[in-house]
PDB file of N, CA and C in Angstrom:
ATOM      1  N   MET A   1     112.777 186.745 154.814  1.00  0.00           N
ATOM      2  CA  MET A   1     111.926 187.339 155.694  1.00  0.00           C
ATOM      3  C   MET A   1     111.953 187.717 156.652  1.00  0.00           C
ATOM      4  N   GLY A   2     112.044 188.417 157.598  1.00  0.00           N
ATOM      5  CA  GLY A   2     112.040 188.697 159.055  1.00  0.00           C
ATOM      6  C   GLY A   2     110.336 189.033 159.456  1.00  0.00           C
ATOM      7  N   LEU A   3     110.377 189.163 160.585  1.00  0.00           N
ATOM      8  CA  LEU A   3     109.155 189.260 161.370  1.00  0.00           C
ATOM      9  C   LEU A   3     108.582 190.758 160.937  1.00  0.00           C
ATOM     10  N   ALA A   4     107.622 190.718 161.225  1.00  0.00           N
ATOM     11  CA  ALA A   4     106.929 192.117 160.622  1.00  0.00           C
ATOM     12  C   ALA A   4     106.753 193.104 162.413  1.00  0.00           C
ATOM     13  N   LEU A   5     107.072 194.120 161.869  1.00  0.00           N
ATOM     14  CA  LEU A   5     107.405 195.113 163.304  1.00  0.00           C
ATOM     15  C   LEU A   5     105.778 195.556 163.527  1.00  0.00           C
ATOM     16  N   ARG A   6     105.839 195.690 164.349  1.00  0.00           N
ATOM     17  CA  ARG A   6     104.714 196.457 165.516  1.00  0.00           C
ATOM     18  C   ARG A   6     105.182 197.142 166.550  1.00  0.00           C
ATOM     19  N   ASP A   7     103.632 198.302 166.750  1.00  0.00           N
ATOM     20  CA  ASP A   7     103.915 199.558 167.795  1.00  0.00           C
ATOM     21  C   ASP A   7     103.327 198.648 168.907  1.00  0.00           C
ATOM     22  N   ASP A   8     103.357 199.540 169.984  1.00  0.00           N
ATOM     23  CA  ASP A   8     102.497 199.347 171.141  1.00  0.00           C
ATOM     24  C   ASP A   8     101.257 200.006 171.486  1.00  0.00           C
ATOM     25  N   ARG A   9     100.680 200.930 170.266  1.00  0.00           N
ATOM     26  CA  ARG A   9      99.541 201.627 170.966  1.00  0.00           C
ATOM     27  C   ARG A   9      98.434 200.876 170.305  1.00  0.00           C
ATOM     28  N   TYR A  10      97.346 201.099 170.926  1.00  0.00           N
ATOM     29  CA  TYR A  10      96.101 200.568 170.507  1.00  0.00           C
ATOM     30  C   TYR A  10      95.621 201.389 169.002  1.00  0.00           C
ATOM     31  N   HIS A  11      95.121 200.850 167.974  1.00  0.00           N
ATOM     32  CA  HIS A  11      94.325 201.320 166.960  1.00  0.00           C
ATOM     33  C   HIS A  11      93.238 200.440 166.100  1.00  0.00           C
ATOM     34  N   THR A  12      92.504 201.755 165.889  1.00  0.00           N
ATOM     35  CA  THR A  12      91.286 201.722 165.632  1.00  0.00           C
ATOM     36  C   THR A  12      90.923 201.325 163.874  1.00  0.00           C
ATOM     37  N   TYR A  13      90.030 200.737 163.137  1.00  0.00           N
ATOM     38  CA  TYR A  13      89.902 200.352 161.904  1.00  0.00           C
ATOM     39  C   TYR A  13      89.761 201.739 161.452  1.00  0.00           C
ATOM     40  N   ALA A  14      89.294 202.338 162.017  1.00  0.00           N
ATOM     41  CA  ALA A  14      89.112 204.371 161.710  1.00  0.00           C
ATOM     42  C   ALA A  14      90.578 205.079 161.527  1.00  0.00           C
ATOM     43  N   ASP A  15      91.763 203.975 162.760  1.00  0.00           N
ATOM     44  CA  ASP A  15      93.221 204.794 162.319  1.00  0.00           C
ATOM     45  C   ASP A  15      93.396 203.949 160.701  1.00  0.00           C
ATOM     46  N   TYR A  16      93.501 202.911 160.624  1.00  0.00           N
ATOM     47  CA  TYR A  16      93.569 201.880 159.613  1.00  0.00           C
ATOM     48  C   TYR A  16      93.506 202.684 158.515  1.00  0.00           C
ATOM     49  N   LEU A  17      92.491 203.178 158.124  1.00  0.00           N
ATOM     50  CA  LEU A  17      91.611 203.700 157.141  1.00  0.00           C
ATOM     51  C   LEU A  17      92.705 205.064 156.837  1.00  0.00           C
ATOM     52  N   ALA A  18      93.199 205.808 157.367  1.00  0.00           N
ATOM     53  CA  ALA A  18      93.416 206.993 157.768  1.00  0.00           C
ATOM     54  C   ALA A  18      95.037 206.537 157.390  1.00  0.00           C
ATOM     55  N   TRP A  19      95.801 205.787 157.684  1.00  0.00           N
ATOM     56  CA  TRP A  19      97.190 205.769 157.217  1.00  0.00           C
ATOM     57  C   TRP A  19      97.476 205.480 155.655  1.00  0.00           C
ATOM     58  N   PRO A  20      98.893 205.843 155.437  1.00  0.00           N
ATOM     59  CA  PRO A  20      99.105 205.999 154.233  1.00  0.00           C
ATOM     60  C   PRO A  20      99.367 204.419 153.610  1.00  0.00           C
ATOM     61  N   GLU A  21      98.792 204.872 152.097  1.00  0.00           N
ATOM     62  CA  GLU A  21      98.927 203.886 151.245  1.00  0.00           C
ATOM     63  C   GLU A  21      99.928 203.208 150.501  1.00  0.00           C
ATOM     64  N   ASP A  22     101.247 203.633 151.020  1.00  0.00           N
ATOM     65  CA  ASP A  22     102.296 203.618 150.328  1.00  0.00           C
ATOM     66  C   ASP A  22     103.250 202.260 151.265  1.00  0.00           C
ATOM     67  N   ARG A  23     102.826 202.381 152.340  1.00  0.00           N
ATOM     68  CA  ARG A  23     103.232 201.432 153.306  1.00  0.00           C
ATOM     69  C   ARG A  23     102.070 200.376 153.494  1.00  0.00           C
ATOM     70  N   ARG A  24     102.682 198.724 153.533  1.00  0.00           N
ATOM     71  CA  ARG A  24     101.402 197.994 154.243  1.00  0.00           C
ATOM     72  C   ARG A  24     101.414 197.976 155.347  1.00  0.00           C
ATOM     73  N   TYR A  25     100.357 197.846 156.139  1.00  0.00           N
ATOM     74  CA  TYR A  25      99.917 197.575 157.659  1.00  0.00           C
ATOM     75  C   TYR A  25      98.931 196.250 157.560  1.00  0.00           C
ATOM     76  N   GLU A  26      99.027 195.489 158.512  1.00  0.00           N
ATOM     77  CA  GLU A  26      97.803 194.616 159.071  1.00  0.00           C
ATOM     78  C   GLU A  26      97.499 195.224 160.360  1.00  0.00           C
ATOM     79  N   LEU A  27      96.284 194.921 160.620  1.00  0.00           N
ATOM     80  CA  LEU A  27      95.584 195.470 161.955  1.00  0.00           C
ATOM     81  C   LEU A  27      95.298 194.348 162.784  1.00  0.00           C
ATOM     82  N   ILE A  28      95.509 193.818 163.869  1.00  0.00           N
ATOM     83  CA  ILE A  28      95.251 192.573 164.560  1.00  0.00           C
ATOM     84  C   ILE A  28      94.445 193.128 165.961  1.00  0.00           C
ATOM     85  N   ASP A  29      93.333 193.147 165.975  1.00  0.00           N
ATOM     86  CA  ASP A  29      93.072 193.270 167.496  1.00  0.00           C
ATOM     87  C   ASP A  29      93.814 194.389 168.306  1.00  0.00           C
ATOM     88  N   GLY A  30      93.713 195.905 167.301  1.00  0.00           N
ATOM     89  CA  GLY A  30      94.191 196.676 167.712  1.00  0.00           C
ATOM     90  C   GLY A  30      95.570 197.339 167.389  1.00  0.00           C
ATOM     91  N   ALA A  31      96.662 196.144 167.207  1.00  0.00           N
ATOM     92  CA  ALA A  31      97.756 196.264 167.029  1.00  0.00           C
ATOM     93  C   ALA A  31      98.226 196.203 165.659  1.00  0.00           C
ATOM     94  N   ALA A  32      98.944 197.336 165.205  1.00  0.00           N
ATOM     95  CA  ALA A  32      99.690 197.792 164.172  1.00  0.00           C
ATOM     96  C   ALA A  32     100.880 196.643 163.757  1.00  0.00           C
ATOM     97  N   TYR A  33     100.611 196.213 162.576  1.00  0.00           N
ATOM     98  CA  TYR A  33     101.956 195.193 162.156  1.00  0.00           C
ATOM     99  C   TYR A  33     102.363 195.670 160.670  1.00  0.00           C
ATOM    100  N   LEU A  34     103.746 196.638 160.659  1.00  0.00           N
ATOM    101  CA  LEU A  34     104.379 196.639 159.442  1.00  0.00           C
ATOM    102  C   LEU A  34     104.508 195.870 158.564  1.00  0.00           C
ATOM    103  N   MET A  35     104.294 195.439 157.584  1.00  0.00           N
ATOM    104  CA  MET A  35     104.626 194.316 156.630  1.00  0.00           C
ATOM    105  C   MET A  35     105.755 194.075 155.860  1.00  0.00           C
ATOM    106  N   ALA A  36     106.288 193.641 155.515  1.00  0.00           N
ATOM    107  CA  ALA A  36     107.513 193.243 154.874  1.00  0.00           C
ATOM    108  C   ALA A  36     107.538 193.842 153.395  1.00  0.00           C
ATOM    109  N   PRO A  37     108.225 195.021 152.760  1.00  0.00           N
ATOM    110  CA  PRO A  37     107.725 195.560 151.514  1.00  0.00           C
ATOM    111  C   PRO A  37     107.562 194.267 150.102  1.00  0.00           C
ATOM    112  N   VAL A  38     109.033 193.387 150.070  1.00  0.00           N
ATOM    113  CA  VAL A  38     108.435 192.237 149.171  1.00  0.00           C
ATOM    114  C   VAL A  38     109.048 191.130 149.622  1.00  0.00           C
ATOM    115  N   PRO A  39     108.297 190.139 148.946  1.00  0.00           N
ATOM    116  CA  PRO A  39     108.217 188.952 149.661  1.00  0.00           C
ATOM    117  C   PRO A  39     109.077 188.122 148.568  1.00  0.00           C
ATOM    118  N   THR A  40     109.773 187.279 149.113  1.00  0.00           N
ATOM    119  CA  THR A  40     110.671 186.563 148.076  1.00  0.00           C
ATOM    120  C   THR A  40     110.407 185.668 146.996  1.00  0.00           C
ATOM    121  N   LEU A  41     110.912 184.844 146.269  1.00  0.00           N
ATOM    122  CA  LEU A  41     110.388 184.041 145.220  1.00  0.00           C
ATOM    123  C   LEU A  41     109.791 182.894 145.324  1.00  0.00           C
ATOM    124  N   GLU A  42     110.655 182.409 146.511  1.00  0.00           N
ATOM    125  CA  GLU A  42     110.165 181.243 147.249  1.00  0.00           C
ATOM    126  C   GLU A  42     108.525 181.331 147.883  1.00  0.00           C
ATOM    127  N   HIS A  43     108.499 182.610 148.220  1.00  0.00           N
ATOM    128  CA  HIS A  43     107.172 182.979 149.417  1.00  0.00           C
ATOM    129  C   HIS A  43     106.212 182.965 148.049  1.00  0.00           C
ATOM    130  N   GLN A  44     106.452 183.587 146.825  1.00  0.00           N
ATOM    131  CA  GLN A  44     105.701 183.901 145.727  1.00  0.00           C
ATOM    132  C   GLN A  44     105.366 182.363 145.215  1.00  0.00           C
ATOM    133  N   ASP A  45     106.064 181.402 145.027  1.00  0.00           N
ATOM    134  CA  ASP A  45     105.723 179.926 145.150  1.00  0.00           C
ATOM    135  C   ASP A  45     104.883 179.783 145.451  1.00  0.00           C
ATOM    136  N   VAL A  46     105.054 179.795 146.585  1.00  0.00           N
ATOM    137  CA  VAL A  46     104.178 179.131 147.883  1.00  0.00           C
ATOM    138  C   VAL A  46     102.689 180.092 147.682  1.00  0.00           C
ATOM    139  N   VAL A  47     102.737 180.885 148.021  1.00  0.00           N
ATOM    140  CA  VAL A  47     101.647 181.734 147.373  1.00  0.00           C
ATOM    141  C   VAL A  47     100.881 181.493 145.926  1.00  0.00           C
ATOM    142  N   GLY A  48     101.528 181.094 145.499  1.00  0.00           N
ATOM    143  CA  GLY A  48     100.708 180.906 144.097  1.00  0.00           C
ATOM    144  C   GLY A  48     100.164 179.193 143.827  1.00  0.00           C
ATOM    145  N   GLU A  49     101.189 178.350 144.730  1.00  0.00           N
ATOM    146  CA  GLU A  49     100.173 177.169 144.399  1.00  0.00           C
ATOM    147  C   GLU A  49      98.949 177.195 145.493  1.00  0.00           C
ATOM    148  N   ILE A  50      98.660 177.972 146.816  1.00  0.00           N
ATOM    149  CA  ILE A  50      97.763 177.712 147.769  1.00  0.00           C
ATOM    150  C   ILE A  50      97.062 178.484 146.884  1.00  0.00           C
ATOM    151  N   TYR A  51      96.897 179.670 146.161  1.00  0.00           N
ATOM    152  CA  TYR A  51      95.989 180.340 145.457  1.00  0.00           C
ATOM    153  C   TYR A  51      95.328 179.243 144.648  1.00  0.00           C
ATOM    154  N   PHE A  52      96.127 178.293 143.617  1.00  0.00           N
ATOM    155  CA  PHE A  52      95.671 177.652 142.825  1.00  0.00           C
ATOM    156  C   PHE A  52      95.058 176.817 143.119  1.00  0.00           C
ATOM    157  N   GLN A  53      95.285 175.996 144.528  1.00  0.00           N
ATOM    158  CA  GLN A  53      94.782 174.600 144.974  1.00  0.00           C
ATOM    159  C   GLN A  53      93.168 175.447 145.791  1.00  0.00           C
ATOM    160  N   ILE A  54      93.567 176.422 145.938  1.00  0.00           N
ATOM    161  CA  ILE A  54      91.920 176.720 146.861  1.00  0.00           C
ATOM    162  C   ILE A  54      91.175 177.138 145.619  1.00  0.00           C
ATOM    163  N   ARG A  55      91.545 178.074 144.599  1.00  0.00           N
ATOM    164  CA  ARG A  55      90.746 178.435 143.199  1.00  0.00           C
ATOM    165  C   ARG A  55      90.238 177.014 142.637  1.00  0.00           C
ATOM    166  N   GLN A  56      90.621 176.369 142.475  1.00  0.00           N
ATOM    167  CA  GLN A  56      90.388 174.862 141.917  1.00  0.00           C
ATOM    168  C   GLN A  56      89.117 174.319 143.374  1.00  0.00           C
ATOM    169  N   ALA A  57      89.305 174.235 144.969  1.00  0.00           N
ATOM    170  CA  ALA A  57      88.551 173.919 145.805  1.00  0.00           C
ATOM    171  C   ALA A  57      86.772 175.020 145.591  1.00  0.00           C
ATOM    172  N   LEU A  58      87.209 175.921 145.067  1.00  0.00           N
ATOM    173  CA  LEU A  58      85.876 176.890 144.930  1.00  0.00           C
ATOM    174  C   LEU A  58      85.467 177.075 143.824  1.00  0.00           C
ATOM    175  N   GLU A  59      86.174 176.122 142.775  1.00  0.00           N
ATOM    176  CA  GLU A  59      85.308 175.975 141.355  1.00  0.00           C
ATOM    177  C   GLU A  59      83.999 176.009 141.889  1.00  0.00           C
ATOM    178  N   GLY A  60      82.845 176.863 140.927  1.00  0.00           N
ATOM    179  CA  GLY A  60      81.413 176.525 141.349  1.00  0.00           C
ATOM    180  C   GLY A  60      80.664 177.250 142.340  1.00  0.00           C
ATOM    181  N   LYS A  61      81.579 177.555 143.118  1.00  0.00           N
ATOM    182  CA  LYS A  61      81.340 178.242 144.163  1.00  0.00           C
ATOM    183  C   LYS A  61      80.759 179.710 144.758  1.00  0.00           C
ATOM    184  N   SER A  62      79.630 180.266 145.088  1.00  0.00           N
ATOM    185  CA  SER A  62      80.048 181.653 145.167  1.00  0.00           C
ATOM    186  C   SER A  62      80.809 182.616 145.879  1.00  0.00           C
ATOM    187  N   CYS A  63      81.882 181.662 146.139  1.00  0.00           N
ATOM    188  CA  CYS A  63      82.777 182.603 146.959  1.00  0.00           C
ATOM    189  C   CYS A  63      83.999 182.163 145.872  1.00  0.00           C
ATOM    190  N   ARG A  64      84.905 183.342 145.960  1.00  0.00           N
ATOM    191  CA  ARG A  64      86.459 183.164 145.228  1.00  0.00           C
ATOM    192  C   ARG A  64      87.840 183.600 145.973  1.00  0.00           C
ATOM    193  N   ALA A  65      88.731 183.311 145.551  1.00  0.00           N
ATOM    194  CA  ALA A  65      90.432 183.417 146.160  1.00  0.00           C
ATOM    195  C   ALA A  65      91.229 184.695 145.511  1.00  0.00           C
ATOM    196  N   PHE A  66      91.746 185.268 146.250  1.00  0.00           N
ATOM    197  CA  PHE A  66      92.467 186.639 145.370  1.00  0.00           C
ATOM    198  C   PHE A  66      93.860 186.395 145.899  1.00  0.00           C
ATOM    199  N   VAL A  67      94.925 186.755 145.102  1.00  0.00           N
ATOM    200  CA  VAL A  67      96.103 186.785 145.307  1.00  0.00           C
ATOM    201  C   VAL A  67      96.475 187.695 145.921  1.00  0.00           C
ATOM    202  N   ALA A  68      96.445 188.976 144.964  1.00  0.00           N
ATOM    203  CA  ALA A  68      96.817 190.369 145.720  1.00  0.00           C
ATOM    204  C   ALA A  68      96.001 190.309 147.119  1.00  0.00           C
ATOM    205  N   PRO A  69      97.033 191.338 147.899  1.00  0.00           N
ATOM    206  CA  PRO A  69      96.578 191.609 149.578  1.00  0.00           C
ATOM    207  C   PRO A  69      95.219 192.461 149.135  1.00  0.00           C
ATOM    208  N   VAL A  70      94.134 191.908 149.975  1.00  0.00           N
ATOM    209  CA  VAL A  70      92.835 193.067 149.673  1.00  0.00           C
ATOM    210  C   VAL A  70      92.236 193.398 151.645  1.00  0.00           C
ATOM    211  N   ASP A  71      91.929 194.508 151.632  1.00  0.00           N
ATOM    212  CA  ASP A  71      91.219 194.853 152.967  1.00  0.00           C
ATOM    213  C   ASP A  71      90.572 193.477 153.185  1.00  0.00           C
ATOM    214  N   VAL A  72      90.156 192.534 154.459  1.00  0.00           N
ATOM    215  CA  VAL A  72      89.097 192.090 154.877  1.00  0.00           C
ATOM    216  C   VAL A  72      89.266 192.577 156.123  1.00  0.00           C
ATOM    217  N   ARG A  73      87.848 193.032 156.869  1.00  0.00           N
ATOM    218  CA  ARG A  73      87.293 193.452 158.222  1.00  0.00           C
ATOM    219  C   ARG A  73      86.729 192.053 158.433  1.00  0.00           C
ATOM    220  N   LEU A  74      86.936 191.751 159.927  1.00  0.00           N
ATOM    221  CA  LEU A  74      85.975 190.892 160.189  1.00  0.00           C
ATOM    222  C   LEU A  74      85.611 191.321 162.250  1.00  0.00           C
ATOM    223  N   PRO A  75      84.817 192.310 162.111  1.00  0.00           N
ATOM    224  CA  PRO A  75      84.595 192.542 163.087  1.00  0.00           C
ATOM    225  C   PRO A  75      83.588 191.812 164.255  1.00  0.00           C
ATOM    226  N   LYS A  76      83.974 191.676 165.348  1.00  0.00           N
ATOM    227  CA  LYS A  76      82.878 191.290 166.681  1.00  0.00           C
ATOM    228  C   LYS A  76      81.755 191.186 166.353  1.00  0.00           C
ATOM    229  N   ALA A  77      80.739 190.878 166.824  1.00  0.00           N
ATOM    230  CA  ALA A  77      79.293 190.913 167.052  1.00  0.00           C
ATOM    231  C   ALA A  77      79.268 192.343 167.211  1.00  0.00           C
ATOM    232  N   ASP A  78      79.504 192.607 168.285  1.00  0.00           N
ATOM    233  CA  ASP A  78      79.125 193.755 168.782  1.00  0.00           C
ATOM    234  C   ASP A  78      79.701 195.225 168.686  1.00  0.00           C
ATOM    235  N   GLU A  79      80.794 194.859 167.937  1.00  0.00           N
ATOM    236  CA  GLU A  79      81.880 195.949 167.324  1.00  0.00           C
ATOM    237  C   GLU A  79      81.507 196.992 166.985  1.00  0.00           C
ATOM    238  N   ALA A  80      81.581 198.271 166.663  1.00  0.00           N
ATOM    239  CA  ALA A  80      80.776 199.089 165.372  1.00  0.00           C
ATOM    240  C   ALA A  80      82.037 199.222 165.034  1.00  0.00           C
ATOM    241  N   ASP A  81      81.385 199.581 163.356  1.00  0.00           N
ATOM    242  CA  ASP A  81      82.194 199.538 162.186  1.00  0.00           C
ATOM    243  C   ASP A  81      82.782 201.471 161.853  1.00  0.00           C
ATOM    244  N   ASP A  82      83.980 201.352 163.132  1.00  0.00           N
ATOM    245  CA  ASP A  82      84.836 202.955 163.257  1.00  0.00           C
ATOM    246  C   ASP A  82      86.282 202.203 163.229  1.00  0.00           C
TER     247      ASP A  82
END
């Protein structure tokens, strides 16, 4: 799997919400990264093992692990939610 493609524009969270759902992007510090569409089987094995270990470590805790991609927003303390 190659590196994710990136453009040179600055994007906001509002931009991210408007992007088509049939393509996977990550938005990191305003930079949009187009993600590879299909991970390899080796990648899936590694992800599965990491998930398994994290899930075991979180047993009985108030948080949980996810395998599939989920949106996570980590704004800076003074950053608007847009």
